[in-house]
Amino acid sequence: VDAIQTYRDGKVVFARFGEIFEARPVELGRSDGQLVEVISGLQSGTRFAAKNSFVLKADLGKAGASHEH
């Protein structure tokens, strides 16, 4: 559950590829409040940020921010 973040209009998991994390859209299934079923969007065995993924989401938001004067 801690790995799931809301981004734009959906749910994402930050998958790890080497030293890079990428937001991967996921479709979720059942949840017991501690664990959640990922129906699609993440292949079995893919490494992902299981905790503190909110930090990655915040960094993603900063990268997309622009300052117009």
PDB file of N, CA and C in Angstrom:
ATOM      1  N   VAL A   1       0.830  -1.198   0.000  1.00  0.00           N
ATOM      2  CA  VAL A   1       0.000   0.000   0.000  1.00  0.00           C
ATOM      3  C   VAL A   1       0.877   1.265   0.000  1.00  0.00           C
ATOM      4  N   ASP A   2       2.007   1.233   0.723  1.00  0.00           N
ATOM      5  CA  ASP A   2       2.881   2.411   0.801  1.00  0.00           C
ATOM      6  C   ASP A   2       3.516   2.757  -0.542  1.00  0.00           C
ATOM      7  N   ALA A   3       3.588   1.799  -1.442  1.00  0.00           N
ATOM      8  CA  ALA A   3       4.209   2.019  -2.750  1.00  0.00           C
ATOM      9  C   ALA A   3       3.285   2.761  -3.712  1.00  0.00           C
ATOM     10  N   ILE A   4       1.988   2.748  -3.454  1.00  0.00           N
ATOM     11  CA  ILE A   4       1.009   3.332  -4.373  1.00  0.00           C
ATOM     12  C   ILE A   4       0.908   4.835  -4.147  1.00  0.00           C
ATOM     13  N   GLN A   5       1.001   5.585  -5.235  1.00  0.00           N
ATOM     14  CA  GLN A   5       0.840   7.037  -5.192  1.00  0.00           C
ATOM     15  C   GLN A   5      -0.200   7.449  -6.218  1.00  0.00           C
ATOM     16  N   THR A   6      -0.911   8.525  -5.936  1.00  0.00           N
ATOM     17  CA  THR A   6      -1.822   9.111  -6.913  1.00  0.00           C
ATOM     18  C   THR A   6      -1.038  10.146  -7.688  1.00  0.00           C
ATOM     19  N   TYR A   7      -1.087  10.038  -9.017  1.00  0.00           N
ATOM     20  CA  TYR A   7      -0.374  10.991  -9.865  1.00  0.00           C
ATOM     21  C   TYR A   7      -1.251  11.291 -11.068  1.00  0.00           C
ATOM     22  N   ARG A   8      -1.484  12.571 -11.300  1.00  0.00           N
ATOM     23  CA  ARG A   8      -2.397  13.032 -12.341  1.00  0.00           C
ATOM     24  C   ARG A   8      -3.752  12.389 -12.116  1.00  0.00           C
ATOM     25  N   ASP A   9      -4.214  11.555 -13.013  1.00  0.00           N
ATOM     26  CA  ASP A   9      -5.562  10.995 -12.880  1.00  0.00           C
ATOM     27  C   ASP A   9      -5.569   9.529 -12.486  1.00  0.00           C
ATOM     28  N   GLY A  10      -4.467   9.009 -11.971  1.00  0.00           N
ATOM     29  CA  GLY A  10      -4.453   7.588 -11.665  1.00  0.00           C
ATOM     30  C   GLY A  10      -3.471   7.217 -10.580  1.00  0.00           C
ATOM     31  N   LYS A  11      -3.321   5.935 -10.408  1.00  0.00           N
ATOM     32  CA  LYS A  11      -2.410   5.379  -9.411  1.00  0.00           C
ATOM     33  C   LYS A  11      -1.128   4.937 -10.109  1.00  0.00           C
ATOM     34  N   VAL A  12       0.010   5.162  -9.447  1.00  0.00           N
ATOM     35  CA  VAL A  12       1.307   4.770  -9.993  1.00  0.00           C
ATOM     36  C   VAL A  12       2.142   4.079  -8.920  1.00  0.00           C
ATOM     37  N   VAL A  13       3.097   3.305  -9.406  1.00  0.00           N
ATOM     38  CA  VAL A  13       4.148   2.719  -8.581  1.00  0.00           C
ATOM     39  C   VAL A  13       5.460   3.157  -9.211  1.00  0.00           C
ATOM     40  N   PHE A  14       6.447   3.503  -8.404  1.00  0.00           N
ATOM     41  CA  PHE A  14       7.743   3.908  -8.926  1.00  0.00           C
ATOM     42  C   PHE A  14       8.624   2.676  -9.077  1.00  0.00           C
ATOM     43  N   ALA A  15       8.745   2.216 -10.325  1.00  0.00           N
ATOM     44  CA  ALA A  15       9.543   1.033 -10.645  1.00  0.00           C
ATOM     45  C   ALA A  15      11.004   1.444 -10.794  1.00  0.00           C
ATOM     46  N   ARG A  16      11.887   0.561 -10.373  1.00  0.00           N
ATOM     47  CA  ARG A  16      13.321   0.851 -10.410  1.00  0.00           C
ATOM     48  C   ARG A  16      13.981   0.149 -11.588  1.00  0.00           C
ATOM     49  N   PHE A  17      14.715   0.924 -12.375  1.00  0.00           N
ATOM     50  CA  PHE A  17      15.482   0.412 -13.504  1.00  0.00           C
ATOM     51  C   PHE A  17      16.907   0.932 -13.341  1.00  0.00           C
ATOM     52  N   GLY A  18      17.781   0.089 -12.801  1.00  0.00           N
ATOM     53  CA  GLY A  18      19.139   0.523 -12.475  1.00  0.00           C
ATOM     54  C   GLY A  18      19.072   1.527 -11.339  1.00  0.00           C
ATOM     55  N   GLU A  19      19.572   2.723 -11.572  1.00  0.00           N
ATOM     56  CA  GLU A  19      19.548   3.778 -10.557  1.00  0.00           C
ATOM     57  C   GLU A  19      18.393   4.760 -10.772  1.00  0.00           C
ATOM     58  N   ILE A  20      17.524   4.461 -11.730  1.00  0.00           N
ATOM     59  CA  ILE A  20      16.438   5.372 -12.093  1.00  0.00           C
ATOM     60  C   ILE A  20      15.100   4.786 -11.656  1.00  0.00           C
ATOM     61  N   PHE A  21      14.223   5.657 -11.147  1.00  0.00           N
ATOM     62  CA  PHE A  21      12.856   5.269 -10.821  1.00  0.00           C
ATOM     63  C   PHE A  21      11.926   5.894 -11.854  1.00  0.00           C
ATOM     64  N   GLU A  22      10.961   5.115 -12.307  1.00  0.00           N
ATOM     65  CA  GLU A  22      10.006   5.577 -13.309  1.00  0.00           C
ATOM     66  C   GLU A  22       8.589   5.337 -12.791  1.00  0.00           C
ATOM     67  N   ALA A  23       7.738   6.346 -12.910  1.00  0.00           N
ATOM     68  CA  ALA A  23       6.337   6.201 -12.492  1.00  0.00           C
ATOM     69  C   ALA A  23       5.620   5.313 -13.492  1.00  0.00           C
ATOM     70  N   ARG A  24       5.097   4.193 -13.026  1.00  0.00           N
ATOM     71  CA  ARG A  24       4.380   3.248 -13.877  1.00  0.00           C
ATOM     72  C   ARG A  24       2.915   3.230 -13.469  1.00  0.00           C
ATOM     73  N   PRO A  25       2.003   3.571 -14.387  1.00  0.00           N
ATOM     74  CA  PRO A  25       0.571   3.508 -14.069  1.00  0.00           C
ATOM     75  C   PRO A  25       0.169   2.061 -13.767  1.00  0.00           C
ATOM     76  N   VAL A  26      -0.636   1.871 -12.749  1.00  0.00           N
ATOM     77  CA  VAL A  26      -1.073   0.535 -12.362  1.00  0.00           C
ATOM     78  C   VAL A  26      -2.585   0.503 -12.182  1.00  0.00           C
ATOM     79  N   GLU A  27      -3.137  -0.684 -12.405  1.00  0.00           N
ATOM     80  CA  GLU A  27      -4.544  -0.945 -12.110  1.00  0.00           C
ATOM     81  C   GLU A  27      -4.566  -1.799 -10.858  1.00  0.00           C
ATOM     82  N   LEU A  28      -5.312  -1.360  -9.870  1.00  0.00           N
ATOM     83  CA  LEU A  28      -5.335  -2.039  -8.582  1.00  0.00           C
ATOM     84  C   LEU A  28      -6.573  -2.898  -8.407  1.00  0.00           C
ATOM     85  N   GLY A  29      -6.412  -3.927  -7.592  1.00  0.00           N
ATOM     86  CA  GLY A  29      -7.519  -4.816  -7.272  1.00  0.00           C
ATOM     87  C   GLY A  29      -7.849  -4.737  -5.798  1.00  0.00           C
ATOM     88  N   ARG A  30      -7.952  -5.881  -5.182  1.00  0.00           N
ATOM     89  CA  ARG A  30      -8.342  -5.968  -3.769  1.00  0.00           C
ATOM     90  C   ARG A  30      -7.243  -5.443  -2.845  1.00  0.00           C
ATOM     91  N   SER A  31      -7.681  -4.946  -1.690  1.00  0.00           N
ATOM     92  CA  SER A  31      -6.748  -4.456  -0.679  1.00  0.00           C
ATOM     93  C   SER A  31      -7.295  -4.783   0.700  1.00  0.00           C
ATOM     94  N   ASP A  32      -6.379  -5.110   1.612  1.00  0.00           N
ATOM     95  CA  ASP A  32      -6.784  -5.333   3.002  1.00  0.00           C
ATOM     96  C   ASP A  32      -6.314  -4.183   3.889  1.00  0.00           C
ATOM     97  N   GLY A  33      -5.858  -3.088   3.269  1.00  0.00           N
ATOM     98  CA  GLY A  33      -5.373  -1.936   4.014  1.00  0.00           C
ATOM     99  C   GLY A  33      -3.870  -1.958   4.235  1.00  0.00           C
ATOM    100  N   GLN A  34      -3.260  -3.139   4.147  1.00  0.00           N
ATOM    101  CA  GLN A  34      -1.807  -3.258   4.280  1.00  0.00           C
ATOM    102  C   GLN A  34      -1.165  -3.701   2.974  1.00  0.00           C
ATOM    103  N   LEU A  35      -1.853  -4.565   2.250  1.00  0.00           N
ATOM    104  CA  LEU A  35      -1.389  -5.048   0.953  1.00  0.00           C
ATOM    105  C   LEU A  35      -2.452  -4.730  -0.087  1.00  0.00           C
ATOM    106  N   VAL A  36      -2.009  -4.521  -1.324  1.00  0.00           N
ATOM    107  CA  VAL A  36      -2.945  -4.250  -2.410  1.00  0.00           C
ATOM    108  C   VAL A  36      -2.534  -5.075  -3.624  1.00  0.00           C
ATOM    109  N   GLU A  37      -3.511  -5.581  -4.324  1.00  0.00           N
ATOM    110  CA  GLU A  37      -3.292  -6.387  -5.515  1.00  0.00           C
ATOM    111  C   GLU A  37      -3.056  -5.455  -6.702  1.00  0.00           C
ATOM    112  N   VAL A  38      -1.975  -5.709  -7.463  1.00  0.00           N
ATOM    113  CA  VAL A  38      -1.717  -4.971  -8.694  1.00  0.00           C
ATOM    114  C   VAL A  38      -2.153  -5.868  -9.841  1.00  0.00           C
ATOM    115  N   ILE A  39      -3.200  -5.463 -10.542  1.00  0.00           N
ATOM    116  CA  ILE A  39      -3.766  -6.264 -11.617  1.00  0.00           C
ATOM    117  C   ILE A  39      -2.965  -6.101 -12.905  1.00  0.00           C
ATOM    118  N   SER A  40      -2.546  -4.874 -13.196  1.00  0.00           N
ATOM    119  CA  SER A  40      -1.756  -4.641 -14.405  1.00  0.00           C
ATOM    120  C   SER A  40      -0.878  -3.413 -14.227  1.00  0.00           C
ATOM    121  N   GLY A  41       0.147  -3.330 -15.084  1.00  0.00           N
ATOM    122  CA  GLY A  41       1.047  -2.185 -15.093  1.00  0.00           C
ATOM    123  C   GLY A  41       2.405  -2.454 -14.480  1.00  0.00           C
ATOM    124  N   LEU A  42       2.560  -3.589 -13.800  1.00  0.00           N
ATOM    125  CA  LEU A  42       3.829  -3.926 -13.154  1.00  0.00           C
ATOM    126  C   LEU A  42       4.047  -5.426 -13.318  1.00  0.00           C
ATOM    127  N   GLN A  43       5.145  -5.787 -13.947  1.00  0.00           N
ATOM    128  CA  GLN A  43       5.432  -7.200 -14.157  1.00  0.00           C
ATOM    129  C   GLN A  43       5.984  -7.826 -12.890  1.00  0.00           C
ATOM    130  N   SER A  44       5.703  -9.086 -12.718  1.00  0.00           N
ATOM    131  CA  SER A  44       6.222  -9.841 -11.578  1.00  0.00           C
ATOM    132  C   SER A  44       7.747  -9.766 -11.575  1.00  0.00           C
ATOM    133  N   GLY A  45       8.311  -9.490 -10.419  1.00  0.00           N
ATOM    134  CA  GLY A  45       9.766  -9.414 -10.288  1.00  0.00           C
ATOM    135  C   GLY A  45      10.349  -8.027 -10.499  1.00  0.00           C
ATOM    136  N   THR A  46       9.535  -7.073 -10.950  1.00  0.00           N
ATOM    137  CA  THR A  46      10.017  -5.707 -11.141  1.00  0.00           C
ATOM    138  C   THR A  46      10.299  -5.085  -9.788  1.00  0.00           C
ATOM    139  N   ARG A  47      11.472  -4.492  -9.645  1.00  0.00           N
ATOM    140  CA  ARG A  47      11.817  -3.821  -8.396  1.00  0.00           C
ATOM    141  C   ARG A  47      11.106  -2.474  -8.350  1.00  0.00           C
ATOM    142  N   PHE A  48      10.670  -2.080  -7.150  1.00  0.00           N
ATOM    143  CA  PHE A  48       9.942  -0.823  -7.008  1.00  0.00           C
ATOM    144  C   PHE A  48      10.189  -0.235  -5.631  1.00  0.00           C
ATOM    145  N   ALA A  49       9.864   1.058  -5.500  1.00  0.00           N
ATOM    146  CA  ALA A  49       9.995   1.753  -4.218  1.00  0.00           C
ATOM    147  C   ALA A  49       8.823   1.340  -3.344  1.00  0.00           C
ATOM    148  N   ALA A  50       9.091   0.522  -2.331  1.00  0.00           N
ATOM    149  CA  ALA A  50       8.033   0.021  -1.464  1.00  0.00           C
ATOM    150  C   ALA A  50       7.703   0.995  -0.335  1.00  0.00           C
ATOM    151  N   LYS A  51       8.647   1.836   0.045  1.00  0.00           N
ATOM    152  CA  LYS A  51       8.429   2.813   1.118  1.00  0.00           C
ATOM    153  C   LYS A  51       8.969   4.171   0.679  1.00  0.00           C
ATOM    154  N   ASN A  52       8.426   5.203   1.275  1.00  0.00           N
ATOM    155  CA  ASN A  52       8.858   6.589   1.014  1.00  0.00           C
ATOM    156  C   ASN A  52       8.710   6.999  -0.448  1.00  0.00           C
ATOM    157  N   SER A  53       7.779   6.371  -1.172  1.00  0.00           N
ATOM    158  CA  SER A  53       7.591   6.717  -2.585  1.00  0.00           C
ATOM    159  C   SER A  53       7.043   8.134  -2.752  1.00  0.00           C
ATOM    160  N   PHE A  54       6.509   8.712  -1.673  1.00  0.00           N
ATOM    161  CA  PHE A  54       6.032  10.092  -1.733  1.00  0.00           C
ATOM    162  C   PHE A  54       7.179  11.049  -2.044  1.00  0.00           C
ATOM    163  N   VAL A  55       8.401  10.696  -1.663  1.00  0.00           N
ATOM    164  CA  VAL A  55       9.575  11.523  -1.967  1.00  0.00           C
ATOM    165  C   VAL A  55       9.810  11.552  -3.481  1.00  0.00           C
ATOM    166  N   LEU A  56       9.675  10.399  -4.128  1.00  0.00           N
ATOM    167  CA  LEU A  56       9.828  10.328  -5.581  1.00  0.00           C
ATOM    168  C   LEU A  56       8.729  11.126  -6.275  1.00  0.00           C
ATOM    169  N   LYS A  57       7.521  11.051  -5.754  1.00  0.00           N
ATOM    170  CA  LYS A  57       6.412  11.812  -6.317  1.00  0.00           C
ATOM    171  C   LYS A  57       6.682  13.313  -6.193  1.00  0.00           C
ATOM    172  N   ALA A  58       7.194  13.738  -5.059  1.00  0.00           N
ATOM    173  CA  ALA A  58       7.514  15.153  -4.859  1.00  0.00           C
ATOM    174  C   ALA A  58       8.584  15.612  -5.842  1.00  0.00           C
ATOM    175  N   ASP A  59       9.605  14.780  -6.056  1.00  0.00           N
ATOM    176  CA  ASP A  59      10.658  15.126  -7.023  1.00  0.00           C
ATOM    177  C   ASP A  59      10.102  15.209  -8.443  1.00  0.00           C
ATOM    178  N   LEU A  60       9.163  14.329  -8.763  1.00  0.00           N
ATOM    179  CA  LEU A  60       8.531  14.354 -10.070  1.00  0.00           C
ATOM    180  C   LEU A  60       7.748  15.647 -10.263  1.00  0.00           C
ATOM    181  N   GLY A  61       7.082  16.094  -9.216  1.00  0.00           N
ATOM    182  CA  GLY A  61       6.346  17.351  -9.262  1.00  0.00           C
ATOM    183  C   GLY A  61       7.252  18.538  -9.453  1.00  0.00           C
ATOM    184  N   LYS A  62       8.413  18.526  -8.806  1.00  0.00           N
ATOM    185  CA  LYS A  62       9.383  19.606  -8.952  1.00  0.00           C
ATOM    186  C   LYS A  62       9.927  19.662 -10.372  1.00  0.00           C
ATOM    187  N   ALA A  63      10.172  18.495 -10.965  1.00  0.00           N
ATOM    188  CA  ALA A  63      10.711  18.437 -12.323  1.00  0.00           C
ATOM    189  C   ALA A  63       9.715  18.999 -13.339  1.00  0.00           C
ATOM    190  N   GLY A  64       8.427  18.831 -13.054  1.00  0.00           N
ATOM    191  CA  GLY A  64       7.393  19.298 -13.974  1.00  0.00           C
ATOM    192  C   GLY A  64       6.991  20.744 -13.746  1.00  0.00           C
ATOM    193  N   ALA A  65       7.464  21.344 -12.659  1.00  0.00           N
ATOM    194  CA  ALA A  65       7.091  22.724 -12.349  1.00  0.00           C
ATOM    195  C   ALA A  65       7.855  23.702 -13.238  1.00  0.00           C
ATOM    196  N   SER A  66       7.192  24.749 -13.598  1.00  0.00           N
ATOM    197  CA  SER A  66       7.864  25.794 -14.373  1.00  0.00           C
ATOM    198  C   SER A  66       7.555  27.137 -13.742  1.00  0.00           C
ATOM    199  N   HIS A  67       8.457  28.055 -13.916  1.00  0.00           N
ATOM    200  CA  HIS A  67       8.284  29.395 -13.371  1.00  0.00           C
ATOM    201  C   HIS A  67       8.165  30.360 -14.535  1.00  0.00           C
ATOM    202  N   GLU A  68       7.022  31.022 -14.607  1.00  0.00           N
ATOM    203  CA  GLU A  68       6.826  32.004 -15.671  1.00  0.00           C
ATOM    204  C   GLU A  68       6.691  33.378 -15.045  1.00  0.00           C
ATOM    205  N   HIS A  69       7.404  34.337 -15.593  1.00  0.00           N
ATOM    206  CA  HIS A  69       7.361  35.701 -15.084  1.00  0.00           C
ATOM    207  C   HIS A  69       6.904  36.632 -16.167  1.00  0.00           C
TER     208      HIS A  69
END
